[in-house]
């Protein structure tokens, strides 16, 4: 269990984290989203026992982050946005060093190192100094280091950054496996699709404060109960077929090929869709597909952190 209550951190007059609260039960994942400088990394540093909060309380795996920081550090795995490796060492020596720091017996260290090196497909690089590793390889080493002692809680800051698609998928599968093994996981990411696929809860943080916090489904429902329905047609829709009068549906300006796509918004697709589909078929439309889309997490995130209003417009380039 990871638990934070009114967690606050100040650096002089600057408040980096302002009253953050959340619970991450064992066997669940919290995705912490926010722009650069929002306070995500400072929150993780407090929860992993690296810095103390200015105010508020938190516990990780049953240990208080203020009074039992060393116990917290022994039970967490941490992957930061920069790996911070000892790059003149070889991979086995590096992992063996950290295994000894965590107090793992020599035989257990050797077994865990072999397992992780094989899992991350680094077996062919064990004799090389890590200074020559690519960004993705260094990220794999950081993940192996975090998992070496089989921690009860994990804090992962952009864990798939720099990885190729297959390696990123393997890491996501690993994260899900750790969740099923009853670990508590905080995932900091800018990949909204990754957050939505993996997380049980999403907390959006802006200017140090949590501005949205719920399950992905609930965040969408609270933002708007409407579903966007797209009906793709094999051929252009005949003139004179109108949906505006159909109860429960609000037509939306279609994108792409307007003549072969009908788009509308409705809070009750189960009731509305059959009637509209019947009307289209009766009008001679040949339907290729019908898709229902909830409001995108990207839109919810943009609303929460200020979105386009906080970004100055670029002037057009003039010839």
Protein backbone atom coordinates (compact mmCIF):
# COMPACT_ATOMS: atom_id res chain seq x y z
CA UNK A 1 0.00 0.00 0.00
CA UNK A 2 1.18 3.50 -0.89
CA UNK A 3 -0.68 6.20 1.00
CA UNK A 4 -0.22 9.98 0.78
CA UNK A 5 -2.18 12.54 2.78
CA UNK A 6 -1.84 16.31 2.13
CA UNK A 7 1.74 15.75 1.02
CA UNK A 8 3.50 19.10 0.53
CA UNK A 9 7.04 20.09 -0.35
CA UNK A 10 8.45 23.60 -0.45
CA UNK A 11 11.84 24.78 -1.68
CA UNK A 12 12.19 28.22 -0.11
CA UNK A 13 9.21 30.26 -1.25
CA UNK A 14 8.37 27.85 -4.05
CA UNK A 15 5.77 25.14 -3.44
CA UNK A 16 6.61 22.19 -5.69
CA UNK A 17 3.94 19.84 -4.28
CA UNK A 18 0.80 21.22 -2.69
CA UNK A 19 -1.42 18.97 -0.55
CA UNK A 20 -1.32 15.81 -2.67
CA UNK A 21 -3.42 12.88 -1.39
CA UNK A 22 -4.04 9.42 -2.82
CA UNK A 23 -4.03 5.72 -1.92
CA UNK A 24 -2.54 2.98 -4.08
CA UNK A 25 -3.68 -0.41 -2.70
CA UNK A 26 -1.57 -3.52 -3.14
CA UNK A 27 -2.11 -4.98 -6.60
CA UNK A 28 -2.99 -1.69 -8.28
CA UNK A 29 -1.43 1.00 -10.46
CA UNK A 30 -1.77 4.76 -10.16
CA UNK A 31 -0.75 6.77 -13.23
CA UNK A 32 0.51 10.22 -12.26
CA UNK A 33 0.09 12.59 -15.20
CA UNK A 34 1.11 16.19 -15.58
CA UNK A 35 3.27 18.59 -17.58
CA UNK A 36 6.98 18.99 -16.92
CA UNK A 37 7.50 20.84 -13.66
CA UNK A 38 4.07 19.91 -12.27
CA UNK A 39 5.50 18.15 -9.19
CA UNK A 40 5.41 14.47 -10.23
CA UNK A 41 9.10 13.78 -9.67
CA UNK A 42 9.16 15.61 -6.33
CA UNK A 43 6.15 13.56 -5.21
CA UNK A 44 7.93 10.33 -6.15
CA UNK A 45 11.15 11.43 -4.42
CA UNK A 46 9.21 12.02 -1.19
CA UNK A 47 7.35 8.72 -1.39
CA UNK A 48 10.55 6.77 -2.07
CA UNK A 49 12.24 8.23 1.01
CA UNK A 50 14.77 10.42 -0.81
CA UNK A 51 13.53 13.77 0.53
CA UNK A 52 11.25 14.68 3.42
CA UNK A 53 7.92 16.47 3.00
CA UNK A 54 7.44 19.97 4.34
CA UNK A 55 3.93 19.02 5.46
CA UNK A 56 1.60 16.06 5.30
CA UNK A 57 2.06 12.35 5.86
CA UNK A 58 2.72 9.29 3.73
CA UNK A 59 3.52 5.62 4.16
CA UNK A 60 4.85 2.95 1.82
CA UNK A 61 4.55 -0.78 2.58
CA UNK A 62 3.52 0.13 6.12
CA UNK A 63 6.51 2.40 6.84
CA UNK A 64 6.32 6.13 7.45
CA UNK A 65 8.37 8.13 4.95
CA UNK A 66 9.44 10.63 7.64
CA UNK A 67 10.47 8.34 10.47
CA UNK A 68 11.33 5.13 8.60
CA UNK A 69 12.90 6.46 5.41
CA UNK A 70 15.60 3.76 5.32
CA UNK A 71 12.96 1.02 5.65
CA UNK A 72 10.99 2.64 2.83
CA UNK A 73 14.05 2.79 0.56
CA UNK A 74 14.76 -0.90 1.21
CA UNK A 75 11.28 -1.88 0.00
CA UNK A 76 10.80 0.27 -3.08
CA UNK A 77 12.05 0.09 -6.63
CA UNK A 78 12.69 3.42 -8.33
CA UNK A 79 13.21 4.26 -11.99
CA UNK A 80 13.85 7.96 -12.53
CA UNK A 81 13.58 9.92 -15.76
CA UNK A 82 17.39 9.76 -16.05
CA UNK A 83 18.93 6.31 -15.30
CA UNK A 84 22.02 7.67 -13.44
CA UNK A 85 24.17 4.57 -14.01
CA UNK A 86 27.79 4.03 -12.99
CA UNK A 87 28.70 3.83 -16.64
CA UNK A 88 32.30 2.66 -16.30
CA UNK A 89 31.10 -0.59 -14.75
CA UNK A 90 29.93 -3.68 -16.59
CA UNK A 91 26.28 -4.67 -16.28
CA UNK A 92 26.77 -7.75 -13.99
CA UNK A 93 29.15 -5.84 -11.69
CA UNK A 94 26.73 -2.92 -11.48
CA UNK A 95 23.74 -5.10 -10.59
CA UNK A 96 25.83 -7.17 -8.18
CA UNK A 97 26.87 -3.97 -6.39
CA UNK A 98 23.27 -2.89 -5.90
CA UNK A 99 22.21 -6.39 -4.91
CA UNK A 100 24.81 -6.28 -2.14
CA UNK A 101 23.56 -2.84 -1.07
CA UNK A 102 20.07 -4.34 -0.76
CA UNK A 103 21.50 -7.17 1.37
CA UNK A 104 20.81 -10.00 -1.07
CA UNK A 105 22.93 -13.15 -0.50
CA UNK A 106 25.53 -13.83 -3.19
CA UNK A 107 23.76 -16.84 -4.72
CA UNK A 108 20.42 -15.03 -4.84
CA UNK A 109 22.11 -11.98 -6.40
CA UNK A 110 23.59 -14.13 -9.14
CA UNK A 111 20.25 -15.80 -9.89
CA UNK A 112 18.33 -12.54 -9.99
CA UNK A 113 20.96 -10.90 -12.21
CA UNK A 114 20.79 -13.78 -14.69
CA UNK A 115 16.98 -13.63 -14.75
CA UNK A 116 16.86 -9.89 -15.35
CA UNK A 117 19.68 -9.79 -17.90
CA UNK A 118 17.90 -12.48 -19.91
CA UNK A 119 14.49 -10.85 -19.54
CA UNK A 120 15.75 -7.51 -20.85
CA UNK A 121 17.70 -9.19 -23.66
CA UNK A 122 21.09 -7.86 -22.49
CA UNK A 123 22.99 -11.17 -22.38
CA UNK A 124 25.29 -10.22 -25.27
CA UNK A 125 26.45 -7.04 -23.53
CA UNK A 126 27.65 -8.36 -20.17
CA UNK A 127 31.34 -7.74 -20.85
CA UNK A 128 30.84 -4.17 -22.09
CA UNK A 129 31.08 -0.99 -20.07
CA UNK A 130 27.69 0.68 -19.85
CA UNK A 131 29.10 3.97 -21.19
CA UNK A 132 28.65 2.48 -24.66
CA UNK A 133 25.03 1.45 -24.10
CA UNK A 134 22.22 3.08 -26.06
CA UNK A 135 19.52 5.10 -24.30
CA UNK A 136 17.12 2.17 -24.49
CA UNK A 137 19.70 -0.25 -23.05
CA UNK A 138 20.41 2.11 -20.17
CA UNK A 139 16.69 2.29 -19.47
CA UNK A 140 16.58 -1.51 -19.32
CA UNK A 141 19.47 -1.53 -16.82
CA UNK A 142 17.62 1.01 -14.65
CA UNK A 143 14.54 -1.22 -14.68
CA UNK A 144 16.63 -4.28 -13.81
CA UNK A 145 18.20 -2.40 -10.90
CA UNK A 146 14.76 -1.37 -9.60
CA UNK A 147 13.46 -4.95 -9.75
CA UNK A 148 16.56 -6.69 -8.41
CA UNK A 149 15.37 -7.01 -4.80
CA UNK A 150 11.72 -7.75 -5.70
CA UNK A 151 10.34 -4.57 -4.10
CA UNK A 152 6.88 -4.29 -2.58
CA UNK A 153 6.27 -0.87 -4.19
CA UNK A 154 7.48 0.56 -7.48
CA UNK A 155 7.86 4.14 -8.67
CA UNK A 156 8.37 4.23 -12.42
CA UNK A 157 9.10 7.53 -14.16
CA UNK A 158 8.71 7.09 -17.94
CA UNK A 159 9.74 3.40 -17.80
CA UNK A 160 9.28 2.81 -21.55
CA UNK A 161 11.08 5.97 -22.67
CA UNK A 162 13.71 5.20 -25.29
CA UNK A 163 12.63 1.58 -25.76
CA UNK A 164 11.75 0.05 -29.10
CA UNK A 165 8.10 -1.04 -29.52
CA UNK A 166 8.69 -4.71 -28.63
CA UNK A 167 10.78 -3.86 -25.56
CA UNK A 168 8.17 -1.31 -24.47
CA UNK A 169 5.46 -3.94 -24.78
CA UNK A 170 7.54 -6.37 -22.71
CA UNK A 171 7.95 -3.73 -19.98
CA UNK A 172 4.22 -3.01 -19.98
CA UNK A 173 3.54 -6.73 -19.66
CA UNK A 174 6.06 -6.84 -16.80
CA UNK A 175 4.27 -3.99 -15.02
CA UNK A 176 0.95 -5.82 -15.32
CA UNK A 177 2.63 -8.97 -13.97
CA UNK A 178 3.98 -7.03 -10.98
CA UNK A 179 0.50 -5.70 -10.32
CA UNK A 180 -0.87 -9.25 -10.36
CA UNK A 181 1.89 -10.17 -7.92
CA UNK A 182 0.27 -7.71 -5.48
CA UNK A 183 2.72 -4.84 -5.88
CA UNK A 184 1.71 -1.19 -5.51
CA UNK A 185 2.86 0.86 -8.48
CA UNK A 186 3.02 4.59 -9.23
CA UNK A 187 3.62 5.23 -12.93
CA UNK A 188 4.65 8.68 -14.12
CA UNK A 189 4.19 8.96 -17.86
CA UNK A 190 3.43 11.36 -20.70
CA UNK A 191 2.02 8.48 -22.74
CA UNK A 192 -1.72 8.83 -22.18
CA UNK A 193 -2.49 5.62 -24.04
CA UNK A 194 -0.06 3.75 -21.79
CA UNK A 195 -1.65 5.27 -18.69
CA UNK A 196 -5.13 4.33 -19.83
CA UNK A 197 -4.16 0.75 -20.64
CA UNK A 198 -2.27 0.08 -17.42
CA UNK A 199 -3.71 2.22 -14.63
CA UNK A 200 -6.51 1.48 -12.19
CA UNK A 201 -6.47 5.16 -11.15
CA UNK A 202 -5.27 8.32 -12.85
CA UNK A 203 -4.21 11.43 -10.95
CA UNK A 204 -3.56 14.56 -13.02
CA UNK A 205 -1.26 17.01 -11.26
CA UNK A 206 -0.78 20.64 -12.24
CA UNK A 207 1.24 23.32 -10.43
CA UNK A 208 1.88 20.85 -7.60
CA UNK A 209 -1.76 19.99 -6.89
CA UNK A 210 -3.95 17.07 -7.96
CA UNK A 211 -6.67 18.54 -10.18
CA UNK A 212 -8.32 15.28 -11.33
CA UNK A 213 -8.25 11.85 -9.66
CA UNK A 214 -10.39 8.86 -10.53
CA UNK A 215 -10.55 5.73 -12.64
CA UNK A 216 -10.15 6.28 -16.40
CA UNK A 217 -13.80 5.39 -16.96
CA UNK A 218 -15.03 7.76 -14.24
CA UNK A 219 -12.85 10.61 -15.52
CA UNK A 220 -14.51 10.30 -18.91
CA UNK A 221 -18.01 9.99 -17.45
CA UNK A 222 -17.54 13.03 -15.23
CA UNK A 223 -16.14 15.08 -18.12
CA UNK A 224 -19.06 14.27 -20.41
CA UNK A 225 -21.67 11.51 -20.40
CA UNK A 226 -21.92 11.65 -24.20
CA UNK A 227 -20.47 9.11 -26.60
CA UNK A 228 -19.31 10.06 -30.07
CA UNK A 229 -20.78 7.63 -32.61
CA UNK A 230 -19.22 7.31 -36.06
CA UNK A 231 -21.07 5.45 -38.80
CA UNK A 232 -18.89 4.79 -41.84
CA UNK A 233 -20.67 4.22 -45.14
CA UNK A 234 -19.55 2.39 -48.27
CA UNK A 235 -20.88 5.17 -50.51
CA UNK A 236 -21.94 8.82 -50.07
CA UNK A 237 -25.18 9.34 -48.18
CA UNK A 238 -28.14 10.30 -50.33
CA UNK A 239 -29.23 13.92 -50.08
CA UNK A 240 -32.16 14.64 -47.80
CA UNK A 241 -31.36 12.07 -45.11
CA UNK A 242 -31.25 14.12 -41.90
CA UNK A 243 -30.61 12.99 -38.35
CA UNK A 244 -31.09 16.32 -36.62
CA UNK A 245 -34.64 15.53 -35.64
CA UNK A 246 -33.86 12.16 -34.13
CA UNK A 247 -34.41 12.27 -30.37
CA UNK A 248 -31.32 11.82 -28.23
CA UNK A 249 -28.73 12.47 -30.98
CA UNK A 250 -26.83 15.67 -31.66
CA UNK A 251 -25.18 15.76 -35.11
CA UNK A 252 -21.47 16.56 -35.12
CA UNK A 253 -19.63 18.00 -38.07
CA UNK A 254 -17.87 15.00 -39.60
CA UNK A 255 -14.21 14.93 -40.42
CA UNK A 256 -12.29 13.26 -43.20
CA UNK A 257 -14.89 12.35 -45.84
CA UNK A 258 -18.16 13.98 -44.74
CA UNK A 259 -20.27 12.30 -47.42
CA UNK A 260 -19.35 8.80 -46.27
CA UNK A 261 -19.40 9.34 -42.52
CA UNK A 262 -22.25 10.15 -40.16
CA UNK A 263 -21.14 11.46 -36.77
CA UNK A 264 -23.35 12.28 -33.82
CA UNK A 265 -23.19 12.63 -30.05
CA UNK A 266 -25.51 10.86 -27.62
CA UNK A 267 -25.57 10.00 -23.90
CA UNK A 268 -27.54 6.79 -24.61
CA UNK A 269 -26.12 4.91 -27.62
CA UNK A 270 -27.88 1.67 -26.65
CA UNK A 271 -31.26 3.32 -27.26
CA UNK A 272 -30.37 5.78 -30.00
CA UNK A 273 -28.09 3.78 -32.30
CA UNK A 274 -30.62 1.12 -33.44
CA UNK A 275 -33.10 3.78 -34.60
CA UNK A 276 -30.48 5.78 -36.51
CA UNK A 277 -29.01 2.67 -38.11
CA UNK A 278 -32.51 1.60 -39.20
CA UNK A 279 -33.13 5.05 -40.70
CA UNK A 280 -29.86 4.96 -42.63
CA UNK A 281 -30.53 1.44 -43.95
CA UNK A 282 -34.04 2.43 -44.99
CA UNK A 283 -32.53 5.37 -46.90
CA UNK A 284 -30.32 2.96 -48.83
CA UNK A 285 -27.09 3.47 -46.93
CA UNK A 286 -24.57 0.63 -46.92
CA UNK A 287 -22.99 0.61 -43.46
CA UNK A 288 -19.36 -0.48 -43.15
CA UNK A 289 -18.83 0.09 -39.42
CA UNK A 290 -20.26 1.72 -36.30
CA UNK A 291 -17.88 2.86 -33.55
CA UNK A 292 -18.64 4.47 -30.19
CA UNK A 293 -15.95 6.62 -28.58
CA UNK A 294 -15.90 8.07 -25.11
CA UNK A 295 -14.27 11.42 -24.61
CA UNK A 296 -10.52 11.04 -25.13
CA UNK A 297 -8.26 11.11 -22.09
CA UNK A 298 -6.14 13.61 -23.99
CA UNK A 299 -9.07 16.10 -23.95
CA UNK A 300 -9.63 15.57 -20.22
CA UNK A 301 -5.92 16.06 -19.55
CA UNK A 302 -5.84 19.25 -21.64
CA UNK A 303 -8.84 20.66 -19.75
CA UNK A 304 -7.27 19.80 -16.39
CA UNK A 305 -3.88 21.42 -17.02
CA UNK A 306 -5.03 24.39 -19.07
CA UNK A 307 -4.64 22.90 -22.53
CA UNK A 308 -4.35 25.23 -25.45
CA UNK A 309 -5.20 28.27 -23.32
CA UNK A 310 -1.81 27.97 -21.59
CA UNK A 311 0.10 27.68 -24.87
CA UNK A 312 0.88 30.79 -26.93
CA UNK A 313 -0.04 30.57 -30.58
CA UNK A 314 2.74 30.50 -33.15
CA UNK A 315 2.62 33.15 -35.79
CA UNK A 316 2.40 31.76 -39.34
CA UNK A 317 5.59 31.62 -41.35
CA UNK A 318 5.50 34.25 -44.05
CA UNK A 319 7.27 33.87 -47.39
